[in-house]
Amino acid sequence: MLDADWAGLADRPHLLVVDDDTRLRALLGRYLGEQGHIVTTAASAAEARALMRSLAFDLLVLDVMMPGQNGLDFARDLRAEGSALPILMLTARSEADERIAGLEAGADDYLPKPFEPRELLLRIAAIMRRVPRAPEGPPPIRLGRWQFIVERSELTDGVEKVRLTDVETSLLSVLAETPGGIVTRDELADRSKAAVNARSIDVQVNRLRRKIELDPKAPRYLQTVRGSGYVLRPD
């Protein structure tokens, strides 16, 4: 990714693609990523719900026919829970009754399979134009290849996303609040929402370094301040 692209990373829509077809899921993830979106994929409604508990998404691309909870029921549950997340529903069935069922379940649009990728892209763009923009959050924290998007607690390069544990996410969020400032081990333990103490902070920091540093033994971004604590030094 070019340096000029980094500044707009936080403004790129984050899509959650839910489809049990492994091949289609991979193709959509790659294609939509190449078209400027941040893409996360899930193989089931249960997996999607788990992702939604820790990440913020701008649009849901949802298949209807899936094992476990199907897309229609998942969409109904989301709307019943008060979610306003835009939903573009995909299905192999193109009958009018199926389209009506999808819209009644809360979908914003409906696209039958097979479809042209370009049409999918245009429908996503049309939905996003209708959705009010969320207030702009703080700028991403750049850590070499990676960007930490603060309001989403997400570490990504725009295509690939680093899987962080809850503890790692919490620690990185606290450090990102004051980039360049020293945060003691006790402060990290107190301010993070993770169940850690000052003694276990070092272990968690070392694990986090293995995910963000080219050389964890000689860290460039997450540095130790001897006798004090840690400091995050972004680019």
C-alpha atoms as a PDB file:
ATOM      1  CA  MET A   1       0.000   0.000   0.000  1.00  0.00           C
ATOM      2  CA  LEU A   2       1.304   3.477  -0.909  1.00  0.00           C
ATOM      3  CA  ASP A   3       1.992   5.982   1.868  1.00  0.00           C
ATOM      4  CA  ALA A   4      -0.661   8.290   0.416  1.00  0.00           C
ATOM      5  CA  ASP A   5      -3.271   5.645   1.105  1.00  0.00           C
ATOM      6  CA  TRP A   6      -2.620   5.451   4.832  1.00  0.00           C
ATOM      7  CA  ALA A   7      -4.223   8.787   5.704  1.00  0.00           C
ATOM      8  CA  GLY A   8      -7.584   7.670   4.347  1.00  0.00           C
ATOM      9  CA  LEU A   9      -7.581   4.203   5.881  1.00  0.00           C
ATOM     10  CA  ALA A  10     -10.020   5.057   8.671  1.00  0.00           C
ATOM     11  CA  ASP A  11     -12.467   6.471   6.099  1.00  0.00           C
ATOM     12  CA  ARG A  12     -12.615   3.238   4.102  1.00  0.00           C
ATOM     13  CA  PRO A  13     -15.878   1.344   4.668  1.00  0.00           C
ATOM     14  CA  HIS A  14     -15.468  -1.837   6.707  1.00  0.00           C
ATOM     15  CA  LEU A  15     -17.597  -4.628   5.276  1.00  0.00           C
ATOM     16  CA  LEU A  16     -18.534  -7.899   6.948  1.00  0.00           C
ATOM     17  CA  VAL A  17     -19.150 -10.629   4.341  1.00  0.00           C
ATOM     18  CA  VAL A  18     -21.067 -13.637   5.700  1.00  0.00           C
ATOM     19  CA  ASP A  19     -21.333 -16.685   3.433  1.00  0.00           C
ATOM     20  CA  ASP A  20     -20.770 -20.388   4.050  1.00  0.00           C
ATOM     21  CA  ASP A  21     -19.316 -20.863   0.530  1.00  0.00           C
ATOM     22  CA  THR A  22     -15.562 -20.783   1.191  1.00  0.00           C
ATOM     23  CA  ARG A  23     -14.614 -20.019  -2.400  1.00  0.00           C
ATOM     24  CA  LEU A  24     -17.148 -17.214  -2.853  1.00  0.00           C
ATOM     25  CA  ARG A  25     -16.266 -15.752   0.534  1.00  0.00           C
ATOM     26  CA  ALA A  26     -12.587 -15.586  -0.424  1.00  0.00           C
ATOM     27  CA  LEU A  27     -13.345 -14.118  -3.851  1.00  0.00           C
ATOM     28  CA  LEU A  28     -15.586 -11.420  -2.400  1.00  0.00           C
ATOM     29  CA  GLY A  29     -13.060 -10.591   0.299  1.00  0.00           C
ATOM     30  CA  ARG A  30     -10.294 -10.165  -2.252  1.00  0.00           C
ATOM     31  CA  TYR A  31     -12.363  -8.276  -4.817  1.00  0.00           C
ATOM     32  CA  LEU A  32     -13.938  -5.832  -2.367  1.00  0.00           C
ATOM     33  CA  GLY A  33     -10.566  -5.274  -0.727  1.00  0.00           C
ATOM     34  CA  GLU A  34      -9.043  -4.429  -4.102  1.00  0.00           C
ATOM     35  CA  GLN A  35     -11.865  -1.933  -4.661  1.00  0.00           C
ATOM     36  CA  GLY A  36     -10.943   0.071  -1.586  1.00  0.00           C
ATOM     37  CA  HIS A  37     -12.905  -1.543   1.223  1.00  0.00           C
ATOM     38  CA  ILE A  38     -11.707  -3.084   4.465  1.00  0.00           C
ATOM     39  CA  VAL A  39     -13.190  -6.582   4.465  1.00  0.00           C
ATOM     40  CA  THR A  40     -13.741  -9.131   7.217  1.00  0.00           C
ATOM     41  CA  THR A  41     -15.387 -12.466   6.427  1.00  0.00           C
ATOM     42  CA  ALA A  42     -17.396 -15.012   8.395  1.00  0.00           C
ATOM     43  CA  ALA A  43     -18.739 -18.458   7.501  1.00  0.00           C
ATOM     44  CA  SER A  44     -21.877 -18.344   9.651  1.00  0.00           C
ATOM     45  CA  ALA A  45     -24.222 -16.065  11.542  1.00  0.00           C
ATOM     46  CA  ALA A  46     -22.663 -17.216  14.820  1.00  0.00           C
ATOM     47  CA  GLU A  47     -19.177 -16.282  13.639  1.00  0.00           C
ATOM     48  CA  ALA A  48     -20.466 -12.936  12.359  1.00  0.00           C
ATOM     49  CA  ARG A  49     -22.113 -12.151  15.689  1.00  0.00           C
ATOM     50  CA  ALA A  50     -18.866 -12.899  17.540  1.00  0.00           C
ATOM     51  CA  LEU A  51     -16.981 -10.501  15.251  1.00  0.00           C
ATOM     52  CA  MET A  52     -19.612  -7.802  15.718  1.00  0.00           C
ATOM     53  CA  ARG A  53     -19.115  -7.878  19.470  1.00  0.00           C
ATOM     54  CA  SER A  54     -15.553  -6.589  19.082  1.00  0.00           C
ATOM     55  CA  LEU A  55     -15.493  -4.743  15.733  1.00  0.00           C
ATOM     56  CA  ALA A  56     -17.537  -1.969  14.151  1.00  0.00           C
ATOM     57  CA  PHE A  57     -18.775  -2.524  10.607  1.00  0.00           C
ATOM     58  CA  ASP A  58     -20.283  -0.169   8.049  1.00  0.00           C
ATOM     59  CA  LEU A  59     -22.224  -2.739   6.020  1.00  0.00           C
ATOM     60  CA  LEU A  60     -23.161  -6.417   6.170  1.00  0.00           C
ATOM     61  CA  VAL A  61     -23.126  -8.554   3.005  1.00  0.00           C
ATOM     62  CA  LEU A  62     -25.241 -11.505   4.104  1.00  0.00           C
ATOM     63  CA  ASP A  63     -26.034 -14.806   2.400  1.00  0.00           C
ATOM     64  CA  VAL A  64     -29.534 -16.198   2.992  1.00  0.00           C
ATOM     65  CA  MET A  65     -28.949 -19.947   2.846  1.00  0.00           C
ATOM     66  CA  MET A  66     -26.448 -20.943   5.533  1.00  0.00           C
ATOM     67  CA  PRO A  67     -26.199 -23.826   7.994  1.00  0.00           C
ATOM     68  CA  GLY A  68     -27.255 -22.949  11.509  1.00  0.00           C
ATOM     69  CA  GLN A  69     -29.095 -19.653  11.635  1.00  0.00           C
ATOM     70  CA  ASN A  70     -29.991 -18.532   8.118  1.00  0.00           C
ATOM     71  CA  GLY A  71     -29.517 -15.004   6.838  1.00  0.00           C
ATOM     72  CA  LEU A  72     -33.178 -14.031   7.111  1.00  0.00           C
ATOM     73  CA  ASP A  73     -33.385 -14.957  10.781  1.00  0.00           C
ATOM     74  CA  PHE A  74     -30.044 -13.300  11.507  1.00  0.00           C
ATOM     75  CA  ALA A  75     -31.221 -10.074   9.866  1.00  0.00           C
ATOM     76  CA  ARG A  76     -34.497 -10.183  11.812  1.00  0.00           C
ATOM     77  CA  ASP A  77     -32.611 -10.660  15.076  1.00  0.00           C
ATOM     78  CA  LEU A  78     -30.295  -7.742  14.340  1.00  0.00           C
ATOM     79  CA  ARG A  79     -33.218  -5.434  13.631  1.00  0.00           C
ATOM     80  CA  ALA A  80     -35.086  -6.666  16.711  1.00  0.00           C
ATOM     81  CA  GLU A  81     -31.999  -5.823  18.776  1.00  0.00           C
ATOM     82  CA  GLY A  82     -32.038  -2.285  17.394  1.00  0.00           C
ATOM     83  CA  SER A  83     -29.111  -2.601  14.994  1.00  0.00           C
ATOM     84  CA  ALA A  84     -29.178  -0.106  12.117  1.00  0.00           C
ATOM     85  CA  LEU A  85     -26.249  -1.763  10.315  1.00  0.00           C
ATOM     86  CA  PRO A  86     -27.022  -1.687   6.560  1.00  0.00           C
ATOM     87  CA  ILE A  87     -27.577  -5.158   5.102  1.00  0.00           C
ATOM     88  CA  LEU A  88     -27.149  -6.298   1.510  1.00  0.00           C
ATOM     89  CA  MET A  89     -28.631  -9.769   1.243  1.00  0.00           C
ATOM     90  CA  LEU A  90     -27.407 -12.435  -1.219  1.00  0.00           C
ATOM     91  CA  THR A  91     -29.346 -15.511  -2.268  1.00  0.00           C
ATOM     92  CA  ALA A  92     -29.425 -18.175  -4.958  1.00  0.00           C
ATOM     93  CA  ARG A  93     -33.188 -17.685  -5.207  1.00  0.00           C
ATOM     94  CA  SER A  94     -34.493 -14.829  -7.319  1.00  0.00           C
ATOM     95  CA  GLU A  95     -38.260 -15.238  -6.906  1.00  0.00           C
ATOM     96  CA  ALA A  96     -40.246 -12.165  -5.885  1.00  0.00           C
ATOM     97  CA  ASP A  97     -41.352 -13.831  -2.632  1.00  0.00           C
ATOM     98  CA  GLU A  98     -37.720 -14.355  -1.636  1.00  0.00           C
ATOM     99  CA  ARG A  99     -36.825 -10.726  -2.311  1.00  0.00           C
ATOM    100  CA  ILE A 100     -39.830  -9.554  -0.325  1.00  0.00           C
ATOM    101  CA  ALA A 101     -38.887 -11.847   2.564  1.00  0.00           C
ATOM    102  CA  GLY A 102     -35.381 -10.388   2.616  1.00  0.00           C
ATOM    103  CA  LEU A 103     -36.640  -6.819   2.662  1.00  0.00           C
ATOM    104  CA  GLU A 104     -39.209  -7.643   5.333  1.00  0.00           C
ATOM    105  CA  ALA A 105     -36.417  -9.155   7.439  1.00  0.00           C
ATOM    106  CA  GLY A 106     -34.670  -5.792   7.426  1.00  0.00           C
ATOM    107  CA  ALA A 107     -32.338  -5.944   4.417  1.00  0.00           C
ATOM    108  CA  ASP A 108     -31.614  -2.636   2.657  1.00  0.00           C
ATOM    109  CA  ASP A 109     -31.099  -4.330  -0.694  1.00  0.00           C
ATOM    110  CA  TYR A 110     -31.239  -7.781  -2.232  1.00  0.00           C
ATOM    111  CA  LEU A 111     -28.981  -9.334  -4.885  1.00  0.00           C
ATOM    112  CA  PRO A 112     -29.627 -12.772  -6.422  1.00  0.00           C
ATOM    113  CA  LYS A 113     -26.793 -15.163  -7.245  1.00  0.00           C
ATOM    114  CA  PRO A 114     -25.007 -15.417  -9.586  1.00  0.00           C
ATOM    115  CA  PHE A 115     -24.206 -11.722  -9.875  1.00  0.00           C
ATOM    116  CA  GLU A 116     -21.641  -9.530 -11.541  1.00  0.00           C
ATOM    117  CA  PRO A 117     -19.031  -8.267  -9.053  1.00  0.00           C
ATOM    118  CA  ARG A 118     -19.423  -4.776 -10.471  1.00  0.00           C
ATOM    119  CA  GLU A 119     -23.133  -4.809  -9.670  1.00  0.00           C
ATOM    120  CA  LEU A 120     -22.380  -5.848  -6.091  1.00  0.00           C
ATOM    121  CA  LEU A 121     -19.954  -2.944  -5.810  1.00  0.00           C
ATOM    122  CA  LEU A 122     -22.498  -0.473  -7.179  1.00  0.00           C
ATOM    123  CA  ARG A 123     -25.215  -1.698  -4.821  1.00  0.00           C
ATOM    124  CA  ILE A 124     -22.863  -1.359  -1.846  1.00  0.00           C
ATOM    125  CA  ALA A 125     -22.023   2.186  -2.939  1.00  0.00           C
ATOM    126  CA  ALA A 126     -25.709   3.035  -3.304  1.00  0.00           C
ATOM    127  CA  ILE A 127     -26.475   1.793   0.207  1.00  0.00           C
ATOM    128  CA  MET A 128     -23.520   3.662   1.677  1.00  0.00           C
ATOM    129  CA  ARG A 129     -24.691   6.913   0.051  1.00  0.00           C
ATOM    130  CA  ARG A 130     -27.996   6.570   1.871  1.00  0.00           C
ATOM    131  CA  VAL A 131     -26.386   5.952   5.251  1.00  0.00           C
ATOM    132  CA  PRO A 132     -25.481   9.055   7.307  1.00  0.00           C
ATOM    133  CA  ARG A 133     -21.747   9.281   7.924  1.00  0.00           C
ATOM    134  CA  ALA A 134     -20.655   8.578  11.480  1.00  0.00           C
ATOM    135  CA  PRO A 135     -18.745  11.336  13.278  1.00  0.00           C
ATOM    136  CA  GLU A 136     -15.082  11.290  12.327  1.00  0.00           C
ATOM    137  CA  GLY A 137     -12.972   9.534  14.923  1.00  0.00           C
ATOM    138  CA  PRO A 138      -9.329  10.033  15.890  1.00  0.00           C
ATOM    139  CA  PRO A 139      -6.735   9.418  13.156  1.00  0.00           C
ATOM    140  CA  PRO A 140      -5.223   5.935  12.865  1.00  0.00           C
ATOM    141  CA  ILE A 141      -1.974   5.180  14.674  1.00  0.00           C
ATOM    142  CA  ARG A 142       0.599   4.108  12.090  1.00  0.00           C
ATOM    143  CA  LEU A 143       2.956   1.307  13.109  1.00  0.00           C
ATOM    144  CA  GLY A 144       4.959   0.488  10.002  1.00  0.00           C
ATOM    145  CA  ARG A 145       2.833  -1.718   7.775  1.00  0.00           C
ATOM    146  CA  TRP A 146      -0.036  -1.637  10.237  1.00  0.00           C
ATOM    147  CA  GLN A 147      -2.555   0.982  11.252  1.00  0.00           C
ATOM    148  CA  PHE A 148      -4.364   0.861  14.590  1.00  0.00           C
ATOM    149  CA  ILE A 149      -7.840   2.320  14.035  1.00  0.00           C
ATOM    150  CA  VAL A 150      -8.634   3.584  17.503  1.00  0.00           C
ATOM    151  CA  GLU A 151     -12.433   3.813  17.381  1.00  0.00           C
ATOM    152  CA  ARG A 152     -12.619   0.250  16.065  1.00  0.00           C
ATOM    153  CA  SER A 153      -9.801  -1.162  18.201  1.00  0.00           C
ATOM    154  CA  GLU A 154      -8.580  -2.709  14.959  1.00  0.00           C
ATOM    155  CA  LEU A 155      -5.063  -3.374  13.652  1.00  0.00           C
ATOM    156  CA  THR A 156      -5.031  -3.640   9.869  1.00  0.00           C
ATOM    157  CA  ASP A 157      -3.177  -2.768   6.688  1.00  0.00           C
ATOM    158  CA  GLY A 158      -6.447  -2.165   4.880  1.00  0.00           C
ATOM    159  CA  VAL A 159      -6.755  -5.710   3.554  1.00  0.00           C
ATOM    160  CA  GLU A 160      -5.374  -8.036   6.204  1.00  0.00           C
ATOM    161  CA  LYS A 161      -6.404  -7.685   9.838  1.00  0.00           C
ATOM    162  CA  VAL A 162      -4.232  -8.758  12.771  1.00  0.00           C
ATOM    163  CA  ARG A 163      -6.097 -10.942  15.219  1.00  0.00           C
ATOM    164  CA  LEU A 164      -5.577  -9.447  18.663  1.00  0.00           C
ATOM    165  CA  THR A 165      -6.702 -10.985  21.920  1.00  0.00           C
ATOM    166  CA  ASP A 166      -8.921  -8.911  24.211  1.00  0.00           C
ATOM    167  CA  VAL A 167      -5.910  -8.269  26.444  1.00  0.00           C
ATOM    168  CA  GLU A 168      -3.711  -7.148  23.537  1.00  0.00           C
ATOM    169  CA  THR A 169      -6.455  -4.889  22.193  1.00  0.00           C
ATOM    170  CA  SER A 170      -6.963  -3.291  25.587  1.00  0.00           C
ATOM    171  CA  LEU A 171      -3.253  -2.672  26.155  1.00  0.00           C
ATOM    172  CA  LEU A 172      -2.730  -1.223  22.686  1.00  0.00           C
ATOM    173  CA  SER A 173      -5.756   1.047  23.122  1.00  0.00           C
ATOM    174  CA  VAL A 174      -4.371   2.450  26.382  1.00  0.00           C
ATOM    175  CA  LEU A 175      -0.919   3.035  24.859  1.00  0.00           C
ATOM    176  CA  ALA A 176      -2.480   4.662  21.789  1.00  0.00           C
ATOM    177  CA  GLU A 177      -4.223   7.249  23.987  1.00  0.00           C
ATOM    178  CA  THR A 178      -0.885   8.937  24.635  1.00  0.00           C
ATOM    179  CA  PRO A 179       1.508   8.082  21.769  1.00  0.00           C
ATOM    180  CA  GLY A 180       5.025   9.032  22.741  1.00  0.00           C
ATOM    181  CA  GLY A 181       4.124   9.167  26.424  1.00  0.00           C
ATOM    182  CA  ILE A 182       5.355   6.731  29.047  1.00  0.00           C
ATOM    183  CA  VAL A 183       2.715   4.485  30.597  1.00  0.00           C
ATOM    184  CA  THR A 184       3.738   2.559  33.714  1.00  0.00           C
ATOM    185  CA  ARG A 185       2.933  -1.104  34.223  1.00  0.00           C
ATOM    186  CA  ASP A 186       0.565  -0.214  37.048  1.00  0.00           C
ATOM    187  CA  GLU A 187      -1.238   2.303  34.818  1.00  0.00           C
ATOM    188  CA  LEU A 188      -1.563  -0.258  32.051  1.00  0.00           C
ATOM    189  CA  ALA A 189      -3.045  -2.745  34.477  1.00  0.00           C
ATOM    190  CA  ASP A 190      -5.430  -0.171  35.999  1.00  0.00           C
ATOM    191  CA  ARG A 191      -6.565   1.555  32.796  1.00  0.00           C
ATOM    192  CA  SER A 192      -6.976  -1.485  30.601  1.00  0.00           C
ATOM    193  CA  LYS A 193     -10.193  -3.469  30.765  1.00  0.00           C
ATOM    194  CA  ALA A 194      -8.237  -6.706  30.666  1.00  0.00           C
ATOM    195  CA  ALA A 195      -7.803  -8.968  33.657  1.00  0.00           C
ATOM    196  CA  VAL A 196      -4.068  -8.372  34.008  1.00  0.00           C
ATOM    197  CA  ASN A 197      -1.769  -7.160  36.742  1.00  0.00           C
ATOM    198  CA  ALA A 198       1.542  -5.335  36.679  1.00  0.00           C
ATOM    199  CA  ARG A 199       3.497  -8.604  36.807  1.00  0.00           C
ATOM    200  CA  SER A 200       1.806 -10.082  33.755  1.00  0.00           C
ATOM    201  CA  ILE A 201       2.042  -6.910  31.655  1.00  0.00           C
ATOM    202  CA  ASP A 202       5.518  -7.816  30.362  1.00  0.00           C
ATOM    203  CA  VAL A 203       4.284 -11.150  29.031  1.00  0.00           C
ATOM    204  CA  GLN A 204       1.352  -9.524  27.233  1.00  0.00           C
ATOM    205  CA  VAL A 205       3.508  -6.748  25.793  1.00  0.00           C
ATOM    206  CA  ASN A 206       5.954  -9.305  24.391  1.00  0.00           C
ATOM    207  CA  ARG A 207       3.081 -11.129  22.699  1.00  0.00           C
ATOM    208  CA  LEU A 208       1.817  -7.863  21.236  1.00  0.00           C
ATOM    209  CA  ARG A 209       5.282  -7.030  19.925  1.00  0.00           C
ATOM    210  CA  ARG A 210       5.391 -10.283  17.982  1.00  0.00           C
ATOM    211  CA  LYS A 211       2.361  -9.061  16.041  1.00  0.00           C
ATOM    212  CA  ILE A 212       3.401  -5.472  15.276  1.00  0.00           C
ATOM    213  CA  GLU A 213       7.212  -5.457  15.197  1.00  0.00           C
ATOM    214  CA  LEU A 214       9.508  -6.644  12.412  1.00  0.00           C
ATOM    215  CA  ASP A 215      12.018  -7.596  15.125  1.00  0.00           C
ATOM    216  CA  PRO A 216      10.318  -8.084  18.504  1.00  0.00           C
ATOM    217  CA  LYS A 217      13.711  -8.315  20.220  1.00  0.00           C
ATOM    218  CA  ALA A 218      14.615  -4.823  18.983  1.00  0.00           C
ATOM    219  CA  PRO A 219      11.211  -3.091  19.023  1.00  0.00           C
ATOM    220  CA  ARG A 220      10.735   0.043  16.979  1.00  0.00           C
ATOM    221  CA  TYR A 221       7.196   0.960  18.020  1.00  0.00           C
ATOM    222  CA  LEU A 222       6.430  -0.568  21.429  1.00  0.00           C
ATOM    223  CA  GLN A 223       9.476   0.274  23.513  1.00  0.00           C
ATOM    224  CA  THR A 224      10.436  -0.402  27.115  1.00  0.00           C
ATOM    225  CA  VAL A 225      11.475   2.542  29.279  1.00  0.00           C
ATOM    226  CA  ARG A 226      13.675   0.927  31.891  1.00  0.00           C
ATOM    227  CA  GLY A 227      12.402   1.487  35.406  1.00  0.00           C
ATOM    228  CA  SER A 228       9.278   3.266  34.169  1.00  0.00           C
ATOM    229  CA  GLY A 229       7.063   1.280  31.818  1.00  0.00           C
ATOM    230  CA  TYR A 230       6.290   1.342  28.115  1.00  0.00           C
ATOM    231  CA  VAL A 231       5.880   3.894  25.346  1.00  0.00           C
ATOM    232  CA  LEU A 232       4.228   3.582  21.937  1.00  0.00           C
ATOM    233  CA  ARG A 233       6.176   5.474  19.262  1.00  0.00           C
ATOM    234  CA  PRO A 234       4.176   5.462  16.023  1.00  0.00           C
ATOM    235  CA  ASP A 235       5.518   6.696  12.673  1.00  0.00           C
END
